[in-house]
N, C-alpha and C. Protein backbone atom coordinates (compact mmCIF):
# COMPACT_ATOMS: atom_id res chain seq x y z
N MET A 1 157.65 35.52 128.00
CA MET A 1 156.76 35.11 126.92
C MET A 1 156.72 33.59 126.91
N ARG A 2 155.53 33.07 126.84
CA ARG A 2 155.36 31.62 126.76
C ARG A 2 155.78 31.14 125.37
N THR A 3 156.26 29.92 125.30
CA THR A 3 156.72 29.35 124.03
C THR A 3 156.09 27.99 123.79
N PHE A 4 155.70 27.74 122.55
CA PHE A 4 155.20 26.44 122.10
C PHE A 4 156.10 26.00 120.95
N THR A 5 156.38 24.72 120.86
CA THR A 5 157.01 24.21 119.65
C THR A 5 155.94 24.19 118.56
N SER A 6 156.33 24.10 117.31
CA SER A 6 155.33 24.06 116.25
C SER A 6 154.44 22.83 116.39
N ALA A 7 155.01 21.71 116.82
CA ALA A 7 154.20 20.49 117.02
C ALA A 7 153.19 20.69 118.15
N ASP A 8 153.64 21.30 119.25
CA ASP A 8 152.72 21.56 120.36
C ASP A 8 151.64 22.57 119.96
N ALA A 9 152.02 23.57 119.18
CA ALA A 9 151.04 24.56 118.72
C ALA A 9 149.94 23.88 117.91
N LYS A 10 150.33 22.93 117.08
CA LYS A 10 149.36 22.19 116.26
C LYS A 10 148.48 21.30 117.14
N ASN A 11 149.12 20.58 118.05
CA ASN A 11 148.39 19.61 118.87
C ASN A 11 147.62 20.23 120.03
N GLN A 12 148.00 21.42 120.43
CA GLN A 12 147.36 22.09 121.56
C GLN A 12 146.88 23.48 121.14
N PHE A 13 146.26 23.55 119.97
CA PHE A 13 145.87 24.83 119.41
C PHE A 13 144.98 25.64 120.34
N GLY A 14 144.02 25.00 120.97
CA GLY A 14 143.13 25.70 121.89
C GLY A 14 143.88 26.34 123.03
N GLU A 15 144.85 25.64 123.58
CA GLU A 15 145.66 26.18 124.67
C GLU A 15 146.52 27.34 124.18
N LEU A 16 147.06 27.22 122.97
CA LEU A 16 147.85 28.29 122.37
C LEU A 16 147.00 29.56 122.24
N VAL A 17 145.80 29.42 121.73
CA VAL A 17 144.91 30.57 121.55
C VAL A 17 144.57 31.19 122.89
N ASP A 18 144.24 30.37 123.88
CA ASP A 18 143.93 30.89 125.21
C ASP A 18 145.12 31.66 125.79
N ALA A 19 146.30 31.12 125.63
CA ALA A 19 147.50 31.79 126.16
C ALA A 19 147.76 33.10 125.43
N ALA A 20 147.55 33.11 124.11
CA ALA A 20 147.80 34.31 123.31
C ALA A 20 146.80 35.42 123.60
N ARG A 21 145.64 35.09 124.12
CA ARG A 21 144.66 36.11 124.50
C ARG A 21 145.15 36.91 125.70
N VAL A 22 146.02 36.29 126.52
CA VAL A 22 146.54 36.95 127.72
C VAL A 22 147.80 37.76 127.40
N LYS A 23 148.74 37.13 126.68
CA LYS A 23 149.96 37.82 126.25
C LYS A 23 150.54 37.07 125.06
N PRO A 24 151.37 37.73 124.26
CA PRO A 24 151.92 37.09 123.07
C PRO A 24 152.65 35.77 123.38
N VAL A 25 152.57 34.85 122.43
CA VAL A 25 153.18 33.52 122.56
C VAL A 25 154.10 33.29 121.35
N ALA A 26 155.33 32.86 121.63
CA ALA A 26 156.26 32.52 120.56
C ALA A 26 156.07 31.06 120.17
N VAL A 27 156.15 30.80 118.87
CA VAL A 27 156.12 29.42 118.37
C VAL A 27 157.48 29.15 117.74
N THR A 28 158.09 28.06 118.17
CA THR A 28 159.43 27.73 117.68
C THR A 28 159.37 26.59 116.67
N LYS A 29 160.36 26.58 115.81
CA LYS A 29 160.53 25.50 114.83
C LYS A 29 162.02 25.20 114.78
N TYR A 30 162.38 23.94 114.95
CA TYR A 30 163.78 23.54 115.02
C TYR A 30 164.53 24.32 116.11
N GLY A 31 163.83 24.61 117.21
CA GLY A 31 164.45 25.27 118.35
C GLY A 31 164.61 26.77 118.25
N ARG A 32 164.12 27.37 117.15
CA ARG A 32 164.26 28.81 116.96
C ARG A 32 162.89 29.45 116.81
N PRO A 33 162.67 30.61 117.44
CA PRO A 33 161.38 31.28 117.29
C PRO A 33 161.16 31.70 115.83
N PHE A 34 159.93 31.46 115.32
CA PHE A 34 159.66 31.89 113.94
C PHE A 34 158.37 32.65 113.79
N VAL A 35 157.44 32.58 114.74
CA VAL A 35 156.24 33.42 114.72
C VAL A 35 155.84 33.75 116.15
N VAL A 36 155.07 34.82 116.27
CA VAL A 36 154.46 35.19 117.55
C VAL A 36 152.97 35.28 117.31
N VAL A 37 152.21 34.67 118.20
CA VAL A 37 150.75 34.71 118.14
C VAL A 37 150.29 35.69 119.22
N LEU A 38 149.42 36.63 118.84
CA LEU A 38 148.91 37.59 119.81
C LEU A 38 147.45 37.90 119.56
N ALA A 39 146.82 38.43 120.59
CA ALA A 39 145.40 38.78 120.51
C ALA A 39 145.19 39.88 119.47
N VAL A 40 144.05 39.86 118.83
CA VAL A 40 143.75 40.84 117.79
C VAL A 40 143.77 42.26 118.36
N GLU A 41 143.37 42.43 119.60
CA GLU A 41 143.40 43.77 120.21
C GLU A 41 144.83 44.30 120.30
N GLU A 42 145.77 43.43 120.64
CA GLU A 42 147.17 43.85 120.71
C GLU A 42 147.71 44.14 119.32
N PHE A 43 147.33 43.34 118.35
CA PHE A 43 147.74 43.58 116.97
C PHE A 43 147.23 44.93 116.49
N GLU A 44 145.97 45.23 116.76
CA GLU A 44 145.38 46.50 116.36
C GLU A 44 146.07 47.68 117.04
N ARG A 45 146.41 47.51 118.32
CA ARG A 45 147.11 48.57 119.05
C ARG A 45 148.48 48.83 118.42
N LEU A 46 149.20 47.78 118.11
CA LEU A 46 150.51 47.94 117.48
C LEU A 46 150.39 48.54 116.08
N SER A 47 149.38 48.14 115.34
CA SER A 47 149.16 48.69 113.99
C SER A 47 148.85 50.17 114.05
N ALA A 48 148.08 50.58 115.04
CA ALA A 48 147.74 51.99 115.20
C ALA A 48 148.99 52.81 115.51
N LEU A 49 149.88 52.29 116.33
CA LEU A 49 151.13 52.99 116.64
C LEU A 49 151.98 53.18 115.39
N GLU A 50 151.99 52.16 114.55
CA GLU A 50 152.78 52.21 113.32
C GLU A 50 152.25 53.26 112.35
N GLN A 51 150.95 53.52 112.39
CA GLN A 51 150.34 54.42 111.43
C GLN A 51 150.21 55.85 111.94
N LYS A 52 150.64 56.11 113.18
CA LYS A 52 150.59 57.47 113.71
C LYS A 52 151.51 58.36 112.90
N PRO A 53 151.04 59.57 112.57
CA PRO A 53 151.94 60.49 111.85
C PRO A 53 153.10 60.90 112.77
N GLN A 54 154.25 61.06 112.18
CA GLN A 54 155.43 61.45 112.95
C GLN A 54 155.35 62.94 113.26
N SER A 55 155.89 63.32 114.41
CA SER A 55 155.97 64.73 114.75
C SER A 55 157.10 65.35 113.94
N PRO A 56 157.08 66.67 113.73
CA PRO A 56 158.17 67.31 112.99
C PRO A 56 159.53 67.04 113.62
N LYS A 57 159.58 66.94 114.96
CA LYS A 57 160.84 66.65 115.65
C LYS A 57 161.37 65.30 115.23
N ASP A 58 160.46 64.27 115.16
CA ASP A 58 160.87 62.93 114.74
C ASP A 58 161.32 62.90 113.29
N MET A 59 160.70 63.72 112.44
CA MET A 59 161.03 63.71 111.02
C MET A 59 162.44 64.25 110.79
N LYS A 60 162.90 65.19 111.63
CA LYS A 60 164.25 65.74 111.48
C LYS A 60 165.30 64.69 111.76
N LYS A 61 164.98 63.71 112.64
CA LYS A 61 165.92 62.67 112.98
C LYS A 61 166.12 61.68 111.83
N ALA A 62 165.12 61.53 110.98
CA ALA A 62 165.18 60.52 109.92
C ALA A 62 166.11 60.88 108.80
């Protein structure tokens, strides 16, 4: 995963967006990751997975 510092993310926003369209990008602050920027299509795919109903087998495990 590519990483930008928060300062670089601000100063190179266009590059950050271009990189995030290809794969998720971590943004760090004080040397620690604090957000991930990703393409809306990937966000929608992950959101759809989260909203899938669980199978009865999965519900027994919970």
